[in-house]
């Protein structure tokens, strides 16, 4: 006998707000991993070049600026897609 899944009490239905919150969480995860890798890369390159501590920190700050710009662009794009999906009704 097959059970109709639409009537099960434990079935979870996600709202459009849940999708936006999930997209923000996924974006934060991706951005934090990207910035962590960028900082590690800048630290490794600065150490291989034989820089002291202060120039390494400056190098990390300079290398982080493009990473922050890219992360803001990625966040805007993801939220734009989620917003368009939410408004289109094809969710």
N, C-alpha and C. Protein backbone atom coordinates (compact mmCIF):
# COMPACT_ATOMS: atom_id res chain seq x y z
N UNK A 1 0.84 -1.17 0.00
CA UNK A 1 0.00 0.00 0.00
C UNK A 1 0.89 1.24 0.00
N UNK A 2 0.65 2.17 -0.90
CA UNK A 2 1.42 3.40 -0.98
C UNK A 2 0.79 4.48 -0.11
N UNK A 3 1.64 5.28 0.50
CA UNK A 3 1.16 6.35 1.38
C UNK A 3 1.23 7.67 0.61
N UNK A 4 0.19 8.45 0.73
CA UNK A 4 0.18 9.76 0.11
C UNK A 4 1.08 10.69 0.91
N UNK A 5 2.17 11.16 0.31
CA UNK A 5 3.15 11.97 1.03
C UNK A 5 2.64 13.37 1.34
N UNK A 6 1.59 13.81 0.69
CA UNK A 6 1.08 15.15 0.94
C UNK A 6 0.41 15.27 2.30
N UNK A 7 -0.02 14.18 2.88
CA UNK A 7 -0.77 14.23 4.13
C UNK A 7 0.06 13.82 5.34
N UNK A 8 1.35 13.59 5.17
CA UNK A 8 2.17 13.18 6.30
C UNK A 8 2.45 14.36 7.22
N UNK A 9 2.32 14.19 8.53
CA UNK A 9 2.51 15.32 9.45
C UNK A 9 3.97 15.73 9.58
N UNK A 10 4.89 14.83 9.31
CA UNK A 10 6.31 15.16 9.48
C UNK A 10 6.92 15.76 8.23
N UNK A 11 6.14 15.93 7.18
CA UNK A 11 6.67 16.51 5.96
C UNK A 11 6.99 17.98 6.18
N UNK A 12 8.15 18.39 5.76
CA UNK A 12 8.59 19.77 5.96
C UNK A 12 8.40 20.54 4.66
N UNK A 13 7.76 21.67 4.76
CA UNK A 13 7.58 22.54 3.60
C UNK A 13 8.39 23.81 3.84
N UNK A 14 9.20 24.15 2.86
CA UNK A 14 10.05 25.32 2.98
C UNK A 14 9.38 26.52 2.33
N UNK A 15 9.49 27.65 2.98
CA UNK A 15 8.93 28.87 2.44
C UNK A 15 9.98 29.60 1.60
N UNK A 16 9.56 30.66 0.96
CA UNK A 16 10.49 31.44 0.15
C UNK A 16 11.51 32.16 1.03
N UNK A 17 11.11 32.52 2.23
CA UNK A 17 12.05 33.15 3.17
C UNK A 17 13.13 32.16 3.58
N UNK A 18 12.76 30.91 3.75
CA UNK A 18 13.75 29.88 4.09
C UNK A 18 14.79 29.75 2.99
N UNK A 19 14.35 29.87 1.75
CA UNK A 19 15.29 29.77 0.63
C UNK A 19 16.27 30.93 0.64
N UNK A 20 15.81 32.12 0.95
CA UNK A 20 16.69 33.29 1.00
C UNK A 20 17.68 33.15 2.15
N UNK A 21 17.22 32.68 3.29
CA UNK A 21 18.11 32.48 4.44
C UNK A 21 19.14 31.41 4.12
N UNK A 22 18.74 30.34 3.44
CA UNK A 22 19.70 29.31 3.03
C UNK A 22 20.72 29.85 2.05
N UNK A 23 20.27 30.71 1.13
CA UNK A 23 21.20 31.31 0.16
C UNK A 23 22.20 32.21 0.87
N UNK A 24 21.75 32.96 1.86
CA UNK A 24 22.67 33.82 2.61
C UNK A 24 23.68 32.97 3.38
N UNK A 25 23.23 31.89 3.98
CA UNK A 25 24.14 31.00 4.70
C UNK A 25 25.18 30.37 3.79
N UNK A 26 24.74 29.92 2.62
CA UNK A 26 25.68 29.34 1.65
C UNK A 26 26.66 30.39 1.16
N UNK A 27 26.18 31.61 0.95
CA UNK A 27 27.07 32.69 0.52
C UNK A 27 28.12 32.99 1.58
N UNK A 28 27.71 33.04 2.83
CA UNK A 28 28.67 33.29 3.91
C UNK A 28 29.73 32.19 3.97
N UNK A 29 29.32 30.96 3.78
CA UNK A 29 30.27 29.86 3.78
C UNK A 29 31.28 29.99 2.63
N UNK A 30 30.78 30.26 1.44
CA UNK A 30 31.66 30.39 0.27
C UNK A 30 32.61 31.57 0.44
N UNK A 31 32.09 32.70 0.89
CA UNK A 31 32.91 33.91 1.04
C UNK A 31 33.97 33.72 2.12
N UNK A 32 33.62 33.10 3.23
CA UNK A 32 34.61 32.91 4.30
C UNK A 32 35.72 31.96 3.86
N UNK A 33 35.37 30.92 3.10
CA UNK A 33 36.40 30.01 2.60
C UNK A 33 37.31 30.72 1.59
N UNK A 34 36.71 31.54 0.73
CA UNK A 34 37.49 32.25 -0.27
C UNK A 34 38.44 33.25 0.37
N UNK A 35 37.95 34.02 1.34
CA UNK A 35 38.81 35.00 1.99
C UNK A 35 39.89 34.33 2.84
N UNK A 36 39.56 33.21 3.47
CA UNK A 36 40.57 32.47 4.22
C UNK A 36 41.68 31.94 3.32
N UNK A 37 41.31 31.43 2.16
CA UNK A 37 42.32 30.96 1.21
C UNK A 37 43.16 32.11 0.68
N UNK A 38 42.52 33.26 0.47
CA UNK A 38 43.26 34.43 -0.02
C UNK A 38 44.26 34.93 1.02
N UNK A 39 43.86 34.97 2.26
CA UNK A 39 44.77 35.40 3.33
C UNK A 39 45.92 34.40 3.49
N UNK A 40 45.63 33.12 3.41
CA UNK A 40 46.68 32.11 3.52
C UNK A 40 47.65 32.21 2.35
N UNK A 41 47.13 32.47 1.16
CA UNK A 41 47.98 32.64 -0.02
C UNK A 41 48.88 33.85 0.14
N UNK A 42 48.32 34.98 0.57
CA UNK A 42 49.12 36.20 0.74
C UNK A 42 50.18 36.01 1.82
N UNK A 43 49.83 35.33 2.90
CA UNK A 43 50.80 35.07 3.97
C UNK A 43 51.93 34.17 3.46
N UNK A 44 51.59 33.14 2.70
CA UNK A 44 52.60 32.22 2.19
C UNK A 44 53.53 32.93 1.20
N UNK A 45 52.97 33.72 0.32
CA UNK A 45 53.81 34.44 -0.66
C UNK A 45 54.70 35.45 0.05
N UNK A 46 54.15 36.18 1.02
CA UNK A 46 54.95 37.13 1.78
C UNK A 46 56.06 36.45 2.55
N UNK A 47 55.80 35.28 3.10
CA UNK A 47 56.83 34.54 3.83
C UNK A 47 57.91 34.02 2.89
N UNK A 48 57.49 33.55 1.71
CA UNK A 48 58.48 33.05 0.74
C UNK A 48 59.36 34.16 0.20
N UNK A 49 58.82 35.37 0.14
CA UNK A 49 59.62 36.51 -0.31
C UNK A 49 60.54 37.04 0.79
N UNK A 50 60.41 36.52 1.99
CA UNK A 50 61.27 36.92 3.09
C UNK A 50 60.88 38.23 3.73
N UNK A 51 59.63 38.59 3.62
CA UNK A 51 59.16 39.85 4.21
C UNK A 51 59.02 39.70 5.72
N UNK A 52 59.18 40.82 6.41
CA UNK A 52 58.97 40.78 7.87
C UNK A 52 57.47 40.84 8.15
N UNK A 53 57.12 40.91 9.43
CA UNK A 53 55.72 40.79 9.82
C UNK A 53 54.85 41.94 9.32
N UNK A 54 55.31 43.17 9.45
CA UNK A 54 54.51 44.32 9.03
C UNK A 54 54.24 44.34 7.53
N UNK A 55 55.24 44.13 6.66
CA UNK A 55 54.91 44.08 5.23
C UNK A 55 54.00 42.91 4.84
N UNK A 56 54.08 41.81 5.57
CA UNK A 56 53.18 40.68 5.29
C UNK A 56 51.74 41.09 5.61
N UNK A 57 51.52 41.78 6.72
CA UNK A 57 50.17 42.22 7.09
C UNK A 57 49.65 43.22 6.06
N UNK A 58 50.52 44.13 5.61
CA UNK A 58 50.12 45.09 4.58
C UNK A 58 49.79 44.35 3.28
N UNK A 59 50.59 43.37 2.92
CA UNK A 59 50.35 42.58 1.71
C UNK A 59 49.02 41.83 1.81
N UNK A 60 48.73 41.29 2.98
CA UNK A 60 47.46 40.59 3.19
C UNK A 60 46.29 41.57 3.04
N UNK A 61 46.42 42.76 3.58
CA UNK A 61 45.35 43.76 3.46
C UNK A 61 45.14 44.17 2.01
N UNK A 62 46.24 44.36 1.27
CA UNK A 62 46.12 44.74 -0.14
C UNK A 62 45.48 43.62 -0.94
N UNK A 63 45.86 42.37 -0.66
CA UNK A 63 45.29 41.24 -1.39
C UNK A 63 43.84 40.97 -0.99
N UNK A 64 43.41 41.42 0.17
CA UNK A 64 42.04 41.18 0.62
C UNK A 64 41.02 42.10 -0.05
N UNK A 65 41.47 43.25 -0.54
CA UNK A 65 40.53 44.20 -1.15
C UNK A 65 39.82 43.58 -2.36
N UNK A 66 40.55 42.98 -3.34
CA UNK A 66 39.81 42.35 -4.45
C UNK A 66 38.92 41.19 -3.98
N UNK A 67 39.34 40.47 -2.97
CA UNK A 67 38.52 39.38 -2.44
C UNK A 67 37.22 39.90 -1.84
N UNK A 68 37.28 41.03 -1.14
CA UNK A 68 36.07 41.61 -0.58
C UNK A 68 35.14 42.12 -1.68
N UNK A 69 35.72 42.73 -2.71
CA UNK A 69 34.90 43.20 -3.84
C UNK A 69 34.22 42.02 -4.53
N UNK A 70 34.96 40.94 -4.75
CA UNK A 70 34.37 39.76 -5.38
C UNK A 70 33.30 39.13 -4.50
N UNK A 71 33.52 39.12 -3.20
CA UNK A 71 32.52 38.52 -2.31
C UNK A 71 31.24 39.36 -2.28
N UNK A 72 31.36 40.67 -2.32
CA UNK A 72 30.16 41.51 -2.38
C UNK A 72 29.42 41.31 -3.70
N UNK A 73 30.16 41.17 -4.79
CA UNK A 73 29.53 40.92 -6.09
C UNK A 73 28.81 39.58 -6.08
N UNK A 74 29.44 38.55 -5.54
CA UNK A 74 28.82 37.23 -5.45
C UNK A 74 27.56 37.27 -4.61
N UNK A 75 27.61 37.97 -3.48
CA UNK A 75 26.46 38.07 -2.60
C UNK A 75 25.30 38.77 -3.30
N UNK A 76 25.59 39.87 -4.00
CA UNK A 76 24.54 40.58 -4.73
C UNK A 76 23.90 39.70 -5.79
N UNK A 77 24.72 38.95 -6.51
CA UNK A 77 24.18 38.09 -7.57
C UNK A 77 23.29 36.99 -7.01
N UNK A 78 23.74 36.36 -5.93
CA UNK A 78 22.95 35.29 -5.32
C UNK A 78 21.63 35.81 -4.80
N UNK A 79 21.64 36.96 -4.13
CA UNK A 79 20.40 37.53 -3.62
C UNK A 79 19.49 38.00 -4.75
N UNK A 80 20.06 38.47 -5.86
CA UNK A 80 19.25 38.87 -7.01
C UNK A 80 18.53 37.66 -7.60
N UNK A 81 19.25 36.53 -7.70
CA UNK A 81 18.63 35.32 -8.23
C UNK A 81 17.52 34.83 -7.30
N UNK A 82 17.78 34.82 -6.02
CA UNK A 82 16.76 34.38 -5.07
C UNK A 82 15.55 35.30 -5.11
N UNK A 83 15.78 36.59 -5.24
CA UNK A 83 14.67 37.54 -5.31
C UNK A 83 13.85 37.33 -6.57
N UNK A 84 14.53 37.10 -7.71
CA UNK A 84 13.78 36.89 -8.95
C UNK A 84 13.02 35.56 -8.91
N UNK A 85 13.58 34.53 -8.30
CA UNK A 85 12.85 33.27 -8.15
C UNK A 85 11.64 33.42 -7.24
N UNK A 86 11.81 34.20 -6.20
CA UNK A 86 10.72 34.40 -5.26
C UNK A 86 9.58 35.17 -5.92
N UNK A 87 9.92 36.18 -6.73
CA UNK A 87 8.88 36.99 -7.37
C UNK A 87 8.23 36.31 -8.56
N UNK A 88 8.95 35.39 -9.21
CA UNK A 88 8.40 34.76 -10.39
C UNK A 88 7.34 33.71 -10.05
N UNK A 89 7.38 33.19 -8.87
CA UNK A 89 6.42 32.16 -8.48
C UNK A 89 6.85 30.77 -8.93
N UNK A 90 7.98 30.63 -9.61
CA UNK A 90 8.47 29.32 -10.04
C UNK A 90 9.41 28.76 -8.99
N UNK A 91 8.93 28.69 -7.80
CA UNK A 91 9.79 28.30 -6.70
C UNK A 91 9.69 26.84 -6.46
